[in-house]
Amino acid sequence: KNTVYLQMNGLKPEDTAVYYCRVWYGTY
């Protein structure tokens, strides 16, 4: 599905943020 997930449990106020996905391949 060309999809990456982040399951977040037990969230805390300090987890508040903008979350960014990154896909990289350093060789190229």
PDB file of all heavy atoms in Angstrom:
ATOM      1  N   LYS A   1       0.808  -1.213   0.000  1.00  0.00           N
ATOM      2  CA  LYS A   1       0.000   0.000   0.000  1.00  0.00           C
ATOM      3  C   LYS A   1       0.842   1.265   0.000  1.00  0.00           C
ATOM      4  O   LYS A   1       0.293   2.369   0.043  1.00  0.00           O
ATOM      5  CB  LYS A   1      -0.929   0.015   1.211  1.00  0.00           C
ATOM      6  CG  LYS A   1      -1.952  -1.113   1.221  1.00  0.00           C
ATOM      7  CD  LYS A   1      -2.853  -1.013   2.436  1.00  0.00           C
ATOM      8  CE  LYS A   1      -3.904  -2.111   2.430  1.00  0.00           C
ATOM      9  NZ  LYS A   1      -4.788  -2.038   3.625  1.00  0.00           N
ATOM     10  N   ASN A   2       2.163   1.103  -0.052  1.00  0.00           N
ATOM     11  CA  ASN A   2       3.068   2.248   0.002  1.00  0.00           C
ATOM     12  C   ASN A   2       2.735   3.163   1.174  1.00  0.00           C
ATOM     13  O   ASN A   2       2.645   4.390   1.027  1.00  0.00           O
ATOM     14  CB  ASN A   2       3.016   3.035  -1.312  1.00  0.00           C
ATOM     15  CG  ASN A   2       3.945   2.478  -2.372  1.00  0.00           C
ATOM     16  OD1 ASN A   2       4.363   1.323  -2.322  1.00  0.00           O
ATOM     17  ND2 ASN A   2       4.274   3.306  -3.357  1.00  0.00           N
ATOM     18  N   THR A   3       2.577   2.549   2.324  1.00  0.00           N
ATOM     19  CA  THR A   3       2.152   3.293   3.495  1.00  0.00           C
ATOM     20  C   THR A   3       3.002   2.934   4.705  1.00  0.00           C
ATOM     21  O   THR A   3       3.324   1.768   4.919  1.00  0.00           O
ATOM     22  CB  THR A   3       0.673   3.018   3.810  1.00  0.00           C
ATOM     23  OG1 THR A   3      -0.125   3.385   2.672  1.00  0.00           O
ATOM     24  CG2 THR A   3       0.212   3.829   5.008  1.00  0.00           C
ATOM     25  N   VAL A   4       3.346   3.942   5.471  1.00  0.00           N
ATOM     26  CA  VAL A   4       4.026   3.737   6.737  1.00  0.00           C
ATOM     27  C   VAL A   4       3.112   4.264   7.838  1.00  0.00           C
ATOM     28  O   VAL A   4       2.445   5.288   7.664  1.00  0.00           O
ATOM     29  CB  VAL A   4       5.413   4.424   6.758  1.00  0.00           C
ATOM     30  CG1 VAL A   4       5.299   5.921   6.502  1.00  0.00           C
ATOM     31  CG2 VAL A   4       6.118   4.152   8.074  1.00  0.00           C
ATOM     32  N   TYR A   5       3.095   3.551   8.947  1.00  0.00           N
ATOM     33  CA  TYR A   5       2.203   3.881  10.044  1.00  0.00           C
ATOM     34  C   TYR A   5       2.999   4.184  11.309  1.00  0.00           C
ATOM     35  O   TYR A   5       4.115   3.704  11.504  1.00  0.00           O
ATOM     36  CB  TYR A   5       1.262   2.722  10.351  1.00  0.00           C
ATOM     37  CG  TYR A   5       0.439   2.252   9.177  1.00  0.00           C
ATOM     38  CD1 TYR A   5       0.868   1.187   8.389  1.00  0.00           C
ATOM     39  CD2 TYR A   5      -0.762   2.866   8.860  1.00  0.00           C
ATOM     40  CE1 TYR A   5       0.110   0.744   7.312  1.00  0.00           C
ATOM     41  CE2 TYR A   5      -1.522   2.430   7.788  1.00  0.00           C
ATOM     42  CZ  TYR A   5      -1.081   1.366   7.018  1.00  0.00           C
ATOM     43  OH  TYR A   5      -1.834   0.932   5.949  1.00  0.00           O
ATOM     44  N   LEU A   6       2.392   4.952  12.154  1.00  0.00           N
ATOM     45  CA  LEU A   6       2.916   5.157  13.491  1.00  0.00           C
ATOM     46  C   LEU A   6       1.762   4.992  14.466  1.00  0.00           C
ATOM     47  O   LEU A   6       0.867   5.840  14.524  1.00  0.00           O
ATOM     48  CB  LEU A   6       3.544   6.543  13.647  1.00  0.00           C
ATOM     49  CG  LEU A   6       4.186   6.811  15.008  1.00  0.00           C
ATOM     50  CD1 LEU A   6       5.427   5.928  15.194  1.00  0.00           C
ATOM     51  CD2 LEU A   6       4.559   8.280  15.167  1.00  0.00           C
ATOM     52  N   GLN A   7       1.777   3.889  15.180  1.00  0.00           N
ATOM     53  CA  GLN A   7       0.789   3.649  16.214  1.00  0.00           C
ATOM     54  C   GLN A   7       1.289   4.282  17.494  1.00  0.00           C
ATOM     55  O   GLN A   7       2.371   3.946  17.976  1.00  0.00           O
ATOM     56  CB  GLN A   7       0.569   2.151  16.415  1.00  0.00           C
ATOM     57  CG  GLN A   7      -0.428   1.801  17.507  1.00  0.00           C
ATOM     58  CD  GLN A   7      -1.837   2.238  17.193  1.00  0.00           C
ATOM     59  OE1 GLN A   7      -2.321   2.019  16.087  1.00  0.00           O
ATOM     60  NE2 GLN A   7      -2.506   2.868  18.155  1.00  0.00           N
ATOM     61  N   MET A   8       0.503   5.170  18.049  1.00  0.00           N
ATOM     62  CA  MET A   8       0.884   5.895  19.247  1.00  0.00           C
ATOM     63  C   MET A   8      -0.102   5.570  20.355  1.00  0.00           C
ATOM     64  O   MET A   8      -1.288   5.861  20.242  1.00  0.00           O
ATOM     65  CB  MET A   8       0.924   7.400  18.985  1.00  0.00           C
ATOM     66  CG  MET A   8       1.832   7.803  17.824  1.00  0.00           C
ATOM     67  SD  MET A   8       1.997   9.601  17.654  1.00  0.00           S
ATOM     68  CE  MET A   8       0.311  10.016  17.178  1.00  0.00           C
ATOM     69  N   ASN A   9       0.411   4.984  21.405  1.00  0.00           N
ATOM     70  CA  ASN A   9      -0.393   4.635  22.565  1.00  0.00           C
ATOM     71  C   ASN A   9       0.113   5.385  23.788  1.00  0.00           C
ATOM     72  O   ASN A   9       1.258   5.819  23.839  1.00  0.00           O
ATOM     73  CB  ASN A   9      -0.341   3.126  22.830  1.00  0.00           C
ATOM     74  CG  ASN A   9      -0.868   2.302  21.685  1.00  0.00           C
ATOM     75  OD1 ASN A   9      -1.835   2.678  21.015  1.00  0.00           O
ATOM     76  ND2 ASN A   9      -0.245   1.147  21.448  1.00  0.00           N
ATOM     77  N   GLY A  10      -0.741   5.498  24.758  1.00  0.00           N
ATOM     78  CA  GLY A  10      -0.352   6.171  25.984  1.00  0.00           C
ATOM     79  C   GLY A  10       0.149   7.583  25.751  1.00  0.00           C
ATOM     80  O   GLY A  10       1.166   7.993  26.315  1.00  0.00           O
ATOM     81  N   LEU A  11      -0.562   8.319  24.931  1.00  0.00           N
ATOM     82  CA  LEU A  11      -0.113   9.657  24.547  1.00  0.00           C
ATOM     83  C   LEU A  11      -0.054  10.600  25.743  1.00  0.00           C
ATOM     84  O   LEU A  11      -0.897  10.547  26.639  1.00  0.00           O
ATOM     85  CB  LEU A  11      -1.015  10.218  23.464  1.00  0.00           C
ATOM     86  CG  LEU A  11      -0.784   9.605  22.076  1.00  0.00           C
ATOM     87  CD1 LEU A  11      -1.962   9.886  21.160  1.00  0.00           C
ATOM     88  CD2 LEU A  11       0.506  10.151  21.478  1.00  0.00           C
ATOM     89  N   LYS A  12       0.943  11.454  25.702  1.00  0.00           N
ATOM     90  CA  LYS A  12       1.183  12.430  26.744  1.00  0.00           C
ATOM     91  C   LYS A  12       1.126  13.835  26.153  1.00  0.00           C
ATOM     92  O   LYS A  12       1.347  14.012  24.961  1.00  0.00           O
ATOM     93  CB  LYS A  12       2.556  12.199  27.376  1.00  0.00           C
ATOM     94  CG  LYS A  12       2.783  10.801  27.912  1.00  0.00           C
ATOM     95  CD  LYS A  12       4.218  10.623  28.382  1.00  0.00           C
ATOM     96  CE  LYS A  12       4.465   9.216  28.893  1.00  0.00           C
ATOM     97  NZ  LYS A  12       5.870   9.033  29.332  1.00  0.00           N
ATOM     98  N   PRO A  13       0.853  14.835  26.979  1.00  0.00           N
ATOM     99  CA  PRO A  13       0.831  16.209  26.457  1.00  0.00           C
ATOM    100  C   PRO A  13       2.122  16.585  25.735  1.00  0.00           C
ATOM    101  O   PRO A  13       2.073  17.339  24.759  1.00  0.00           O
ATOM    102  CB  PRO A  13       0.627  17.050  27.722  1.00  0.00           C
ATOM    103  CG  PRO A  13      -0.159  16.163  28.621  1.00  0.00           C
ATOM    104  CD  PRO A  13       0.408  14.779  28.384  1.00  0.00           C
ATOM    105  N   GLU A  14       3.257  16.074  26.188  1.00  0.00           N
ATOM    106  CA  GLU A  14       4.518  16.395  25.556  1.00  0.00           C
ATOM    107  C   GLU A  14       4.679  15.765  24.178  1.00  0.00           C
ATOM    108  O   GLU A  14       5.649  16.055  23.470  1.00  0.00           O
ATOM    109  CB  GLU A  14       5.700  16.002  26.456  1.00  0.00           C
ATOM    110  CG  GLU A  14       5.650  14.570  26.962  1.00  0.00           C
ATOM    111  CD  GLU A  14       5.071  14.466  28.362  1.00  0.00           C
ATOM    112  OE1 GLU A  14       4.050  15.130  28.635  1.00  0.00           O
ATOM    113  OE2 GLU A  14       5.646  13.726  29.193  1.00  0.00           O
ATOM    114  N   ASP A  15       3.752  14.903  23.789  1.00  0.00           N
ATOM    115  CA  ASP A  15       3.754  14.353  22.445  1.00  0.00           C
ATOM    116  C   ASP A  15       3.128  15.310  21.438  1.00  0.00           C
ATOM    117  O   ASP A  15       3.167  15.051  20.233  1.00  0.00           O
ATOM    118  CB  ASP A  15       3.002  13.021  22.399  1.00  0.00           C
ATOM    119  CG  ASP A  15       3.689  11.931  23.199  1.00  0.00           C
ATOM    120  OD1 ASP A  15       4.928  11.828  23.136  1.00  0.00           O
ATOM    121  OD2 ASP A  15       2.980  11.169  23.888  1.00  0.00           O
ATOM    122  N   THR A  16       2.542  16.379  21.923  1.00  0.00           N
ATOM    123  CA  THR A  16       1.913  17.350  21.042  1.00  0.00           C
ATOM    124  C   THR A  16       2.940  17.937  20.087  1.00  0.00           C
ATOM    125  O   THR A  16       3.959  18.480  20.508  1.00  0.00           O
ATOM    126  CB  THR A  16       1.255  18.470  21.856  1.00  0.00           C
ATOM    127  OG1 THR A  16       0.203  17.926  22.653  1.00  0.00           O
ATOM    128  CG2 THR A  16       0.684  19.541  20.938  1.00  0.00           C
ATOM    129  N   ALA A  17       2.664  17.827  18.810  1.00  0.00           N
ATOM    130  CA  ALA A  17       3.592  18.299  17.792  1.00  0.00           C
ATOM    131  C   ALA A  17       2.981  18.067  16.420  1.00  0.00           C
ATOM    132  O   ALA A  17       1.963  17.386  16.283  1.00  0.00           O
ATOM    133  CB  ALA A  17       4.931  17.557  17.889  1.00  0.00           C
ATOM    134  N   VAL A  18       3.620  18.644  15.428  1.00  0.00           N
ATOM    135  CA  VAL A  18       3.316  18.287  14.057  1.00  0.00           C
ATOM    136  C   VAL A  18       4.192  17.102  13.701  1.00  0.00           C
ATOM    137  O   VAL A  18       5.415  17.155  13.871  1.00  0.00           O
ATOM    138  CB  VAL A  18       3.572  19.453  13.083  1.00  0.00           C
ATOM    139  CG1 VAL A  18       3.348  19.009  11.642  1.00  0.00           C
ATOM    140  CG2 VAL A  18       2.663  20.629  13.420  1.00  0.00           C
ATOM    141  N   TYR A  19       3.584  16.050  13.232  1.00  0.00           N
ATOM    142  CA  TYR A  19       4.304  14.833  12.891  1.00  0.00           C
ATOM    143  C   TYR A  19       4.502  14.750  11.389  1.00  0.00           C
ATOM    144  O   TYR A  19       3.562  14.925  10.614  1.00  0.00           O
ATOM    145  CB  TYR A  19       3.542  13.604  13.394  1.00  0.00           C
ATOM    146  CG  TYR A  19       3.672  13.409  14.886  1.00  0.00           C
ATOM    147  CD1 TYR A  19       3.027  14.268  15.769  1.00  0.00           C
ATOM    148  CD2 TYR A  19       4.457  12.382  15.412  1.00  0.00           C
ATOM    149  CE1 TYR A  19       3.164  14.112  17.138  1.00  0.00           C
ATOM    150  CE2 TYR A  19       4.596  12.218  16.775  1.00  0.00           C
ATOM    151  CZ  TYR A  19       3.951  13.082  17.639  1.00  0.00           C
ATOM    152  OH  TYR A  19       4.083  12.922  19.000  1.00  0.00           O
ATOM    153  N   TYR A  20       5.736  14.465  11.001  1.00  0.00           N
ATOM    154  CA  TYR A  20       6.113  14.429   9.596  1.00  0.00           C
ATOM    155  C   TYR A  20       6.591  13.043   9.200  1.00  0.00           C
ATOM    156  O   TYR A  20       7.359  12.400   9.919  1.00  0.00           O
ATOM    157  CB  TYR A  20       7.241  15.419   9.307  1.00  0.00           C
ATOM    158  CG  TYR A  20       6.894  16.863   9.565  1.00  0.00           C
ATOM    159  CD1 TYR A  20       7.110  17.435  10.809  1.00  0.00           C
ATOM    160  CD2 TYR A  20       6.361  17.651   8.550  1.00  0.00           C
ATOM    161  CE1 TYR A  20       6.800  18.760  11.051  1.00  0.00           C
ATOM    162  CE2 TYR A  20       6.047  18.978   8.779  1.00  0.00           C
ATOM    163  CZ  TYR A  20       6.274  19.521  10.029  1.00  0.00           C
ATOM    164  OH  TYR A  20       5.969  20.845  10.249  1.00  0.00           O
ATOM    165  N   CYS A  21       6.157  12.614   8.067  1.00  0.00           N
ATOM    166  CA  CYS A  21       6.634  11.384   7.470  1.00  0.00           C
ATOM    167  C   CYS A  21       7.832  11.689   6.572  1.00  0.00           C
ATOM    168  O   CYS A  21       7.859  12.705   5.879  1.00  0.00           O
ATOM    169  CB  CYS A  21       5.508  10.747   6.658  1.00  0.00           C
ATOM    170  SG  CYS A  21       5.950   9.275   5.730  1.00  0.00           S
ATOM    171  N   ARG A  22       8.813  10.806   6.600  1.00  0.00           N
ATOM    172  CA  ARG A  22       9.986  10.959   5.752  1.00  0.00           C
ATOM    173  C   ARG A  22      10.316   9.642   5.088  1.00  0.00           C
ATOM    174  O   ARG A  22      10.310   8.594   5.728  1.00  0.00           O
ATOM    175  CB  ARG A  22      11.187  11.430   6.578  1.00  0.00           C
ATOM    176  CG  ARG A  22      12.459  11.653   5.765  1.00  0.00           C
ATOM    177  CD  ARG A  22      13.652  11.819   6.676  1.00  0.00           C
ATOM    178  NE  ARG A  22      14.881  12.049   5.930  1.00  0.00           N
ATOM    179  CZ  ARG A  22      16.102  11.908   6.418  1.00  0.00           C
ATOM    180  NH1 ARG A  22      16.265  11.551   7.688  1.00  0.00           N
ATOM    181  NH2 ARG A  22      17.168  12.145   5.660  1.00  0.00           N
ATOM    182  N   VAL A  23      10.609   9.699   3.804  1.00  0.00           N
ATOM    183  CA  VAL A  23      11.044   8.538   3.039  1.00  0.00           C
ATOM    184  C   VAL A  23      12.329   8.928   2.344  1.00  0.00           C
ATOM    185  O   VAL A  23      12.367   9.933   1.628  1.00  0.00           O
ATOM    186  CB  VAL A  23       9.982   8.094   2.016  1.00  0.00           C
ATOM    187  CG1 VAL A  23      10.511   6.941   1.169  1.00  0.00           C
ATOM    188  CG2 VAL A  23       8.696   7.690   2.724  1.00  0.00           C
ATOM    189  N   TRP A  24      13.376   8.138   2.548  1.00  0.00           N
ATOM    190  CA  TRP A  24      14.643   8.492   1.945  1.00  0.00           C
ATOM    191  C   TRP A  24      15.464   7.271   1.541  1.00  0.00           C
ATOM    192  O   TRP A  24      15.275   6.179   2.064  1.00  0.00           O
ATOM    193  CB  TRP A  24      15.466   9.399   2.881  1.00  0.00           C
ATOM    194  CG  TRP A  24      16.072   8.728   4.082  1.00  0.00           C
ATOM    195  CD1 TRP A  24      17.368   8.319   4.224  1.00  0.00           C
ATOM    196  CD2 TRP A  24      15.426   8.416   5.316  1.00  0.00           C
ATOM    197  NE1 TRP A  24      17.570   7.776   5.472  1.00  0.00           N
ATOM    198  CE2 TRP A  24      16.395   7.823   6.167  1.00  0.00           C
ATOM    199  CE3 TRP A  24      14.123   8.584   5.799  1.00  0.00           C
ATOM    200  CZ2 TRP A  24      16.096   7.394   7.457  1.00  0.00           C
ATOM    201  CZ3 TRP A  24      13.823   8.155   7.082  1.00  0.00           C
ATOM    202  CH2 TRP A  24      14.806   7.576   7.894  1.00  0.00           C
ATOM    203  N   TYR A  25      16.357   7.499   0.609  1.00  0.00           N
ATOM    204  CA  TYR A  25      17.241   6.461   0.109  1.00  0.00           C
ATOM    205  C   TYR A  25      18.551   7.155  -0.223  1.00  0.00           C
ATOM    206  O   TYR A  25      18.717   7.716  -1.304  1.00  0.00           O
ATOM    207  CB  TYR A  25      16.631   5.775  -1.107  1.00  0.00           C
ATOM    208  CG  TYR A  25      17.338   4.517  -1.558  1.00  0.00           C
ATOM    209  CD1 TYR A  25      17.843   3.611  -0.651  1.00  0.00           C
ATOM    210  CD2 TYR A  25      17.479   4.235  -2.919  1.00  0.00           C
ATOM    211  CE1 TYR A  25      18.484   2.447  -1.068  1.00  0.00           C
ATOM    212  CE2 TYR A  25      18.110   3.078  -3.347  1.00  0.00           C
ATOM    213  CZ  TYR A  25      18.613   2.187  -2.416  1.00  0.00           C
ATOM    214  OH  TYR A  25      19.238   1.033  -2.836  1.00  0.00           O
ATOM    215  N   GLY A  26      19.458   7.124   0.703  1.00  0.00           N
ATOM    216  CA  GLY A  26      20.672   7.909   0.622  1.00  0.00           C
ATOM    217  C   GLY A  26      21.545   7.645  -0.586  1.00  0.00           C
ATOM    218  O   GLY A  26      22.204   8.560  -1.078  1.00  0.00           O
ATOM    219  N   THR A  27      21.571   6.415  -1.072  1.00  0.00           N
ATOM    220  CA  THR A  27      22.429   6.068  -2.201  1.00  0.00           C
ATOM    221  C   THR A  27      22.140   6.935  -3.424  1.00  0.00           C
ATOM    222  O   THR A  27      23.043   7.289  -4.175  1.00  0.00           O
ATOM    223  CB  THR A  27      22.272   4.587  -2.569  1.00  0.00           C
ATOM    224  OG1 THR A  27      22.624   3.778  -1.439  1.00  0.00           O
ATOM    225  CG2 THR A  27      23.174   4.225  -3.744  1.00  0.00           C
ATOM    226  N   TYR A  28      20.882   7.282  -3.593  1.00  0.00           N
ATOM    227  CA  TYR A  28      20.477   8.080  -4.738  1.00  0.00           C
ATOM    228  C   TYR A  28      20.080   9.503  -4.355  1.00  0.00           C
ATOM    229  O   TYR A  28      19.490  10.224  -5.164  1.00  0.00           O
ATOM    230  CB  TYR A  28      19.337   7.396  -5.481  1.00  0.00           C
ATOM    231  CG  TYR A  28      19.748   6.065  -6.061  1.00  0.00           C
ATOM    232  CD1 TYR A  28      19.416   4.871  -5.436  1.00  0.00           C
ATOM    233  CD2 TYR A  28      20.493   6.000  -7.239  1.00  0.00           C
ATOM    234  CE1 TYR A  28      19.813   3.645  -5.957  1.00  0.00           C
ATOM    235  CE2 TYR A  28      20.895   4.781  -7.765  1.00  0.00           C
ATOM    236  CZ  TYR A  28      20.551   3.605  -7.119  1.00  0.00           C
ATOM    237  OH  TYR A  28      20.950   2.393  -7.647  1.00  0.00           O
TER     238      TYR A  28
END
